[in-house]
């Protein structure tokens, strides 16, 4: 197999560290025992070369030989094809996993991010708009609370679906009101983030940006 190169920013501010979405790809590759290296692009300068790989000037993207994949969800699906540790090969397990990956990105994360953005740019002020956004997030988390009350992982075993879902929950817990009212969701995140692969990926991301601080200071 060709070597994997994961592209992320050379530096980011303190607040998003530990949450930049290259973490999802790092986590998946650690779970699967895949060899990879990290490449960087400037955080402050997102020019044409960057956008040739990631049209929105974001990160991450993954280079796999002559193939380049952007968007964290697409990267997870690509990595799943590389390793059965990430994506079951039986027909039902595969279908269930793919469904839950998309659900994490399309039903859960899209309910969490508007609350986060309103909190940042709207000052967290109460009002009809914020209340509606929070009600949508509560509805989605209530559904997930019911689902996770009866299972350890989203499918029979840990998969890329759990990486996508647990990371979306981490964002909700840190930036969008928390999971205090959702014990099953909170316990699910604890199980996922207790995995050695997450701990390694998370520590490596933090170390990467800490090293960038030192380089900027020098």
C-alpha atoms as a PDB file:
ATOM      1  CA  UNK A   1       0.000   0.000   0.000  1.00  0.00           C
ATOM      2  CA  UNK A   2       1.091   3.567  -0.647  1.00  0.00           C
ATOM      3  CA  UNK A   3       2.263   5.829   2.161  1.00  0.00           C
ATOM      4  CA  UNK A   4      -0.309   8.049   3.838  1.00  0.00           C
ATOM      5  CA  UNK A   5       0.280  11.753   4.394  1.00  0.00           C
ATOM      6  CA  UNK A   6      -2.188  13.730   6.500  1.00  0.00           C
ATOM      7  CA  UNK A   7      -2.243  17.475   5.939  1.00  0.00           C
ATOM      8  CA  UNK A   8      -3.147  19.904   8.714  1.00  0.00           C
ATOM      9  CA  UNK A   9      -2.350  23.465   9.731  1.00  0.00           C
ATOM     10  CA  UNK A  10       1.115  24.463  10.870  1.00  0.00           C
ATOM     11  CA  UNK A  11      -0.449  26.273  13.857  1.00  0.00           C
ATOM     12  CA  UNK A  12      -3.871  27.107  15.306  1.00  0.00           C
ATOM     13  CA  UNK A  13      -4.996  29.254  18.281  1.00  0.00           C
ATOM     14  CA  UNK A  14      -5.410  27.623  21.681  1.00  0.00           C
ATOM     15  CA  UNK A  15      -9.195  27.134  21.667  1.00  0.00           C
ATOM     16  CA  UNK A  16      -9.547  24.533  18.888  1.00  0.00           C
ATOM     17  CA  UNK A  17      -6.494  22.483  19.832  1.00  0.00           C
ATOM     18  CA  UNK A  18      -7.515  18.917  20.484  1.00  0.00           C
ATOM     19  CA  UNK A  19     -10.560  19.444  18.250  1.00  0.00           C
ATOM     20  CA  UNK A  20      -9.070  20.210  14.817  1.00  0.00           C
ATOM     21  CA  UNK A  21     -10.546  17.579  12.545  1.00  0.00           C
ATOM     22  CA  UNK A  22      -7.286  16.027  11.499  1.00  0.00           C
ATOM     23  CA  UNK A  23      -7.726  14.309  14.887  1.00  0.00           C
ATOM     24  CA  UNK A  24     -10.381  12.039  13.357  1.00  0.00           C
ATOM     25  CA  UNK A  25      -7.996  10.792  10.695  1.00  0.00           C
ATOM     26  CA  UNK A  26      -5.123  10.442  13.179  1.00  0.00           C
ATOM     27  CA  UNK A  27      -7.390   8.441  15.482  1.00  0.00           C
ATOM     28  CA  UNK A  28      -8.560   6.146  12.698  1.00  0.00           C
ATOM     29  CA  UNK A  29      -5.033   5.474  11.465  1.00  0.00           C
ATOM     30  CA  UNK A  30      -3.861   4.733  14.997  1.00  0.00           C
ATOM     31  CA  UNK A  31      -6.764   2.316  15.506  1.00  0.00           C
ATOM     32  CA  UNK A  32      -5.846   0.503  12.290  1.00  0.00           C
ATOM     33  CA  UNK A  33      -2.087   0.577  12.861  1.00  0.00           C
ATOM     34  CA  UNK A  34      -1.513   2.385   9.560  1.00  0.00           C
ATOM     35  CA  UNK A  35       1.758   4.173   8.932  1.00  0.00           C
ATOM     36  CA  UNK A  36       1.346   7.857   8.169  1.00  0.00           C
ATOM     37  CA  UNK A  37       3.146  11.144   8.362  1.00  0.00           C
ATOM     38  CA  UNK A  38       2.000  14.696   8.932  1.00  0.00           C
ATOM     39  CA  UNK A  39       2.366  17.573   6.485  1.00  0.00           C
ATOM     40  CA  UNK A  40       1.385  21.166   7.105  1.00  0.00           C
ATOM     41  CA  UNK A  41       0.000  24.228   5.381  1.00  0.00           C
ATOM     42  CA  UNK A  42       0.059  27.780   6.770  1.00  0.00           C
ATOM     43  CA  UNK A  43      -2.863  28.705   9.006  1.00  0.00           C
ATOM     44  CA  UNK A  44      -2.586  32.369   8.058  1.00  0.00           C
ATOM     45  CA  UNK A  45      -2.138  31.984   4.281  1.00  0.00           C
ATOM     46  CA  UNK A  46      -4.638  29.797   2.460  1.00  0.00           C
ATOM     47  CA  UNK A  47      -3.721  30.266  -1.149  1.00  0.00           C
ATOM     48  CA  UNK A  48      -4.428  28.591  -4.452  1.00  0.00           C
ATOM     49  CA  UNK A  49      -2.193  25.586  -3.781  1.00  0.00           C
ATOM     50  CA  UNK A  50      -4.016  24.850  -0.518  1.00  0.00           C
ATOM     51  CA  UNK A  51      -7.418  25.231  -2.175  1.00  0.00           C
ATOM     52  CA  UNK A  52      -6.418  22.920  -4.972  1.00  0.00           C
ATOM     53  CA  UNK A  53      -6.541  20.139  -2.364  1.00  0.00           C
ATOM     54  CA  UNK A  54      -9.186  21.559   0.003  1.00  0.00           C
ATOM     55  CA  UNK A  55     -11.460  23.973  -1.889  1.00  0.00           C
ATOM     56  CA  UNK A  56     -12.663  25.717   1.281  1.00  0.00           C
ATOM     57  CA  UNK A  57      -9.202  26.420   2.669  1.00  0.00           C
ATOM     58  CA  UNK A  58      -9.759  24.047   5.574  1.00  0.00           C
ATOM     59  CA  UNK A  59      -8.017  20.952   6.931  1.00  0.00           C
ATOM     60  CA  UNK A  60      -7.515  18.061   6.905  1.00  0.00           C
ATOM     61  CA  UNK A  61      -6.890  16.293   3.662  1.00  0.00           C
ATOM     62  CA  UNK A  62      -5.244  12.934   3.128  1.00  0.00           C
ATOM     63  CA  UNK A  63      -2.797  12.016   0.379  1.00  0.00           C
ATOM     64  CA  UNK A  64      -2.780   8.312  -0.425  1.00  0.00           C
ATOM     65  CA  UNK A  65      -0.390   7.772  -3.312  1.00  0.00           C
ATOM     66  CA  UNK A  66      -1.890   9.528  -6.317  1.00  0.00           C
ATOM     67  CA  UNK A  67      -5.228  10.102  -4.553  1.00  0.00           C
ATOM     68  CA  UNK A  68      -6.125  13.099  -2.404  1.00  0.00           C
ATOM     69  CA  UNK A  69      -9.223  13.098  -0.185  1.00  0.00           C
ATOM     70  CA  UNK A  70     -10.647  16.109   1.642  1.00  0.00           C
ATOM     71  CA  UNK A  71     -13.349  16.365   4.352  1.00  0.00           C
ATOM     72  CA  UNK A  72     -12.895  14.344   7.527  1.00  0.00           C
ATOM     73  CA  UNK A  73     -15.889  12.123   6.828  1.00  0.00           C
ATOM     74  CA  UNK A  74     -14.625  11.187   3.376  1.00  0.00           C
ATOM     75  CA  UNK A  75     -11.197  10.483   4.858  1.00  0.00           C
ATOM     76  CA  UNK A  76     -12.741   8.146   7.442  1.00  0.00           C
ATOM     77  CA  UNK A  77     -14.597   6.275   4.724  1.00  0.00           C
ATOM     78  CA  UNK A  78     -11.415   5.978   2.660  1.00  0.00           C
ATOM     79  CA  UNK A  79      -9.452   4.675   5.636  1.00  0.00           C
ATOM     80  CA  UNK A  80     -12.256   2.235   6.367  1.00  0.00           C
ATOM     81  CA  UNK A  81     -11.658   0.664   2.976  1.00  0.00           C
ATOM     82  CA  UNK A  82      -8.032   0.122   3.991  1.00  0.00           C
ATOM     83  CA  UNK A  83      -8.723  -1.682   7.252  1.00  0.00           C
ATOM     84  CA  UNK A  84     -11.352  -4.063   8.579  1.00  0.00           C
ATOM     85  CA  UNK A  85     -10.528  -2.678  12.030  1.00  0.00           C
ATOM     86  CA  UNK A  86     -12.370   0.470  10.937  1.00  0.00           C
ATOM     87  CA  UNK A  87     -15.123  -0.821   8.655  1.00  0.00           C
ATOM     88  CA  UNK A  88     -16.746  -4.272   8.823  1.00  0.00           C
ATOM     89  CA  UNK A  89     -16.622  -6.325   5.646  1.00  0.00           C
ATOM     90  CA  UNK A  90     -19.927  -8.142   6.059  1.00  0.00           C
ATOM     91  CA  UNK A  91     -22.809  -6.560   4.145  1.00  0.00           C
ATOM     92  CA  UNK A  92     -24.943  -5.592   7.142  1.00  0.00           C
ATOM     93  CA  UNK A  93     -22.060  -4.375   9.301  1.00  0.00           C
ATOM     94  CA  UNK A  94     -20.750  -2.245   6.456  1.00  0.00           C
ATOM     95  CA  UNK A  95     -24.173  -0.742   5.713  1.00  0.00           C
ATOM     96  CA  UNK A  96     -24.834   0.032   9.378  1.00  0.00           C
ATOM     97  CA  UNK A  97     -21.413   1.622   9.819  1.00  0.00           C
ATOM     98  CA  UNK A  98     -21.745   3.819   6.733  1.00  0.00           C
ATOM     99  CA  UNK A  99     -25.198   4.914   7.844  1.00  0.00           C
ATOM    100  CA  UNK A 100     -23.921   5.950  11.266  1.00  0.00           C
ATOM    101  CA  UNK A 101     -20.936   7.823   9.837  1.00  0.00           C
ATOM    102  CA  UNK A 102     -23.308   9.928   7.750  1.00  0.00           C
ATOM    103  CA  UNK A 103     -25.685  10.320  10.698  1.00  0.00           C
ATOM    104  CA  UNK A 104     -22.848  11.648  12.862  1.00  0.00           C
ATOM    105  CA  UNK A 105     -21.941  14.241  10.244  1.00  0.00           C
ATOM    106  CA  UNK A 106     -25.363  15.075   8.857  1.00  0.00           C
ATOM    107  CA  UNK A 107     -27.772  14.717  11.794  1.00  0.00           C
ATOM    108  CA  UNK A 108     -25.645  15.282  14.901  1.00  0.00           C
ATOM    109  CA  UNK A 109     -22.813  17.588  13.887  1.00  0.00           C
ATOM    110  CA  UNK A 110     -25.134  19.852  11.901  1.00  0.00           C
ATOM    111  CA  UNK A 111     -27.250  20.251  15.043  1.00  0.00           C
ATOM    112  CA  UNK A 112     -24.220  21.002  17.233  1.00  0.00           C
ATOM    113  CA  UNK A 113     -22.300  23.483  15.086  1.00  0.00           C
ATOM    114  CA  UNK A 114     -25.018  26.172  14.818  1.00  0.00           C
ATOM    115  CA  UNK A 115     -25.198  26.316  18.625  1.00  0.00           C
ATOM    116  CA  UNK A 116     -21.415  26.627  18.771  1.00  0.00           C
ATOM    117  CA  UNK A 117     -21.338  29.383  16.122  1.00  0.00           C
ATOM    118  CA  UNK A 118     -24.171  31.326  17.740  1.00  0.00           C
ATOM    119  CA  UNK A 119     -22.394  31.112  21.070  1.00  0.00           C
ATOM    120  CA  UNK A 120     -19.213  32.546  19.553  1.00  0.00           C
ATOM    121  CA  UNK A 121     -20.622  35.211  17.258  1.00  0.00           C
ATOM    122  CA  UNK A 122     -23.940  35.856  18.966  1.00  0.00           C
ATOM    123  CA  UNK A 123     -22.420  36.246  22.393  1.00  0.00           C
ATOM    124  CA  UNK A 124     -24.537  33.391  23.710  1.00  0.00           C
ATOM    125  CA  UNK A 125     -27.418  35.802  24.225  1.00  0.00           C
ATOM    126  CA  UNK A 126     -30.837  34.214  24.794  1.00  0.00           C
ATOM    127  CA  UNK A 127     -33.506  34.750  22.186  1.00  0.00           C
ATOM    128  CA  UNK A 128     -35.834  32.918  19.808  1.00  0.00           C
ATOM    129  CA  UNK A 129     -33.039  32.090  17.373  1.00  0.00           C
ATOM    130  CA  UNK A 130     -30.765  30.559  19.973  1.00  0.00           C
ATOM    131  CA  UNK A 131     -33.636  28.753  21.666  1.00  0.00           C
ATOM    132  CA  UNK A 132     -34.623  27.146  18.346  1.00  0.00           C
ATOM    133  CA  UNK A 133     -31.050  26.034  17.661  1.00  0.00           C
ATOM    134  CA  UNK A 134     -30.752  24.566  21.154  1.00  0.00           C
ATOM    135  CA  UNK A 135     -34.092  22.775  20.803  1.00  0.00           C
ATOM    136  CA  UNK A 136     -32.886  21.063  17.614  1.00  0.00           C
ATOM    137  CA  UNK A 137     -29.678  20.001  19.331  1.00  0.00           C
ATOM    138  CA  UNK A 138     -31.636  18.669  22.327  1.00  0.00           C
ATOM    139  CA  UNK A 139     -33.904  16.687  20.036  1.00  0.00           C
ATOM    140  CA  UNK A 140     -30.935  15.017  18.350  1.00  0.00           C
ATOM    141  CA  UNK A 141     -29.155  14.321  21.638  1.00  0.00           C
ATOM    142  CA  UNK A 142     -32.343  12.894  23.126  1.00  0.00           C
ATOM    143  CA  UNK A 143     -32.519  10.468  20.208  1.00  0.00           C
ATOM    144  CA  UNK A 144     -28.889   9.472  20.712  1.00  0.00           C
ATOM    145  CA  UNK A 145     -29.396   9.105  24.467  1.00  0.00           C
ATOM    146  CA  UNK A 146     -32.149   6.581  23.798  1.00  0.00           C
ATOM    147  CA  UNK A 147     -30.059   4.698  21.240  1.00  0.00           C
ATOM    148  CA  UNK A 148     -26.840   4.589  23.269  1.00  0.00           C
ATOM    149  CA  UNK A 149     -28.598   3.512  26.451  1.00  0.00           C
ATOM    150  CA  UNK A 150     -28.768   0.028  24.964  1.00  0.00           C
ATOM    151  CA  UNK A 151     -25.414  -0.434  23.259  1.00  0.00           C
ATOM    152  CA  UNK A 152     -21.683  -0.060  23.719  1.00  0.00           C
ATOM    153  CA  UNK A 153     -20.887   1.072  20.169  1.00  0.00           C
ATOM    154  CA  UNK A 154     -23.047   2.160  17.258  1.00  0.00           C
ATOM    155  CA  UNK A 155     -22.570  -1.170  15.480  1.00  0.00           C
ATOM    156  CA  UNK A 156     -21.402  -4.474  16.951  1.00  0.00           C
ATOM    157  CA  UNK A 157     -17.838  -3.281  17.458  1.00  0.00           C
ATOM    158  CA  UNK A 158     -15.910  -0.011  17.412  1.00  0.00           C
ATOM    159  CA  UNK A 159     -15.657   1.524  13.936  1.00  0.00           C
ATOM    160  CA  UNK A 160     -15.204   4.757  12.026  1.00  0.00           C
ATOM    161  CA  UNK A 161     -18.824   5.521  12.920  1.00  0.00           C
ATOM    162  CA  UNK A 162     -17.798   5.832  16.562  1.00  0.00           C
ATOM    163  CA  UNK A 163     -14.881   8.097  15.675  1.00  0.00           C
ATOM    164  CA  UNK A 164     -17.208  10.468  13.825  1.00  0.00           C
ATOM    165  CA  UNK A 165     -19.953  10.353  16.470  1.00  0.00           C
ATOM    166  CA  UNK A 166     -17.739  10.587  19.548  1.00  0.00           C
ATOM    167  CA  UNK A 167     -15.861  13.529  18.088  1.00  0.00           C
ATOM    168  CA  UNK A 168     -19.103  15.361  17.290  1.00  0.00           C
ATOM    169  CA  UNK A 169     -20.166  14.742  20.896  1.00  0.00           C
ATOM    170  CA  UNK A 170     -16.819  16.064  22.144  1.00  0.00           C
ATOM    171  CA  UNK A 171     -17.504  19.342  20.334  1.00  0.00           C
ATOM    172  CA  UNK A 172     -20.990  19.529  21.840  1.00  0.00           C
ATOM    173  CA  UNK A 173     -19.604  18.845  25.293  1.00  0.00           C
ATOM    174  CA  UNK A 174     -16.835  21.440  25.059  1.00  0.00           C
ATOM    175  CA  UNK A 175     -18.388  24.236  23.020  1.00  0.00           C
ATOM    176  CA  UNK A 176     -22.165  23.805  22.712  1.00  0.00           C
ATOM    177  CA  UNK A 177     -23.776  23.341  26.078  1.00  0.00           C
ATOM    178  CA  UNK A 178     -22.362  20.064  27.256  1.00  0.00           C
ATOM    179  CA  UNK A 179     -23.631  16.528  27.769  1.00  0.00           C
ATOM    180  CA  UNK A 180     -24.501  16.794  31.464  1.00  0.00           C
ATOM    181  CA  UNK A 181     -28.144  15.900  30.771  1.00  0.00           C
ATOM    182  CA  UNK A 182     -27.206  12.926  28.572  1.00  0.00           C
ATOM    183  CA  UNK A 183     -25.452  10.293  30.701  1.00  0.00           C
ATOM    184  CA  UNK A 184     -25.459   7.566  28.040  1.00  0.00           C
ATOM    185  CA  UNK A 185     -23.904   9.949  25.498  1.00  0.00           C
ATOM    186  CA  UNK A 186     -21.374  11.105  28.077  1.00  0.00           C
ATOM    187  CA  UNK A 187     -20.418   7.532  28.977  1.00  0.00           C
ATOM    188  CA  UNK A 188     -20.111   6.670  25.292  1.00  0.00           C
ATOM    189  CA  UNK A 189     -17.625   9.523  24.795  1.00  0.00           C
ATOM    190  CA  UNK A 190     -15.677   8.342  27.850  1.00  0.00           C
ATOM    191  CA  UNK A 191     -15.435   4.821  26.423  1.00  0.00           C
ATOM    192  CA  UNK A 192     -14.313   6.089  23.058  1.00  0.00           C
ATOM    193  CA  UNK A 193     -11.740   8.555  24.356  1.00  0.00           C
ATOM    194  CA  UNK A 194     -10.332   5.980  26.793  1.00  0.00           C
ATOM    195  CA  UNK A 195      -9.072   3.993  23.814  1.00  0.00           C
ATOM    196  CA  UNK A 196      -5.266   4.099  23.443  1.00  0.00           C
ATOM    197  CA  UNK A 197      -5.532   5.149  19.801  1.00  0.00           C
ATOM    198  CA  UNK A 198      -7.494   8.261  20.739  1.00  0.00           C
ATOM    199  CA  UNK A 199      -5.079   9.136  23.536  1.00  0.00           C
ATOM    200  CA  UNK A 200      -2.130   8.852  21.160  1.00  0.00           C
ATOM    201  CA  UNK A 201      -3.783  10.835  18.365  1.00  0.00           C
ATOM    202  CA  UNK A 202      -4.944  13.564  20.753  1.00  0.00           C
ATOM    203  CA  UNK A 203      -1.528  13.885  22.401  1.00  0.00           C
ATOM    204  CA  UNK A 204       0.188  14.057  19.020  1.00  0.00           C
ATOM    205  CA  UNK A 205      -2.103  16.832  17.824  1.00  0.00           C
ATOM    206  CA  UNK A 206      -1.495  18.874  20.971  1.00  0.00           C
ATOM    207  CA  UNK A 207       2.256  18.292  20.689  1.00  0.00           C
ATOM    208  CA  UNK A 208       2.198  19.348  17.042  1.00  0.00           C
ATOM    209  CA  UNK A 209       0.697  22.739  17.832  1.00  0.00           C
ATOM    210  CA  UNK A 210       2.811  23.182  20.959  1.00  0.00           C
ATOM    211  CA  UNK A 211       5.916  22.678  18.813  1.00  0.00           C
ATOM    212  CA  UNK A 212       4.593  25.333  16.460  1.00  0.00           C
ATOM    213  CA  UNK A 213       4.332  27.748  19.407  1.00  0.00           C
ATOM    214  CA  UNK A 214       7.966  27.129  20.227  1.00  0.00           C
ATOM    215  CA  UNK A 215       9.010  27.653  16.616  1.00  0.00           C
ATOM    216  CA  UNK A 216       7.081  30.935  16.411  1.00  0.00           C
ATOM    217  CA  UNK A 217       8.566  32.127  19.687  1.00  0.00           C
ATOM    218  CA  UNK A 218      12.086  31.258  18.498  1.00  0.00           C
END
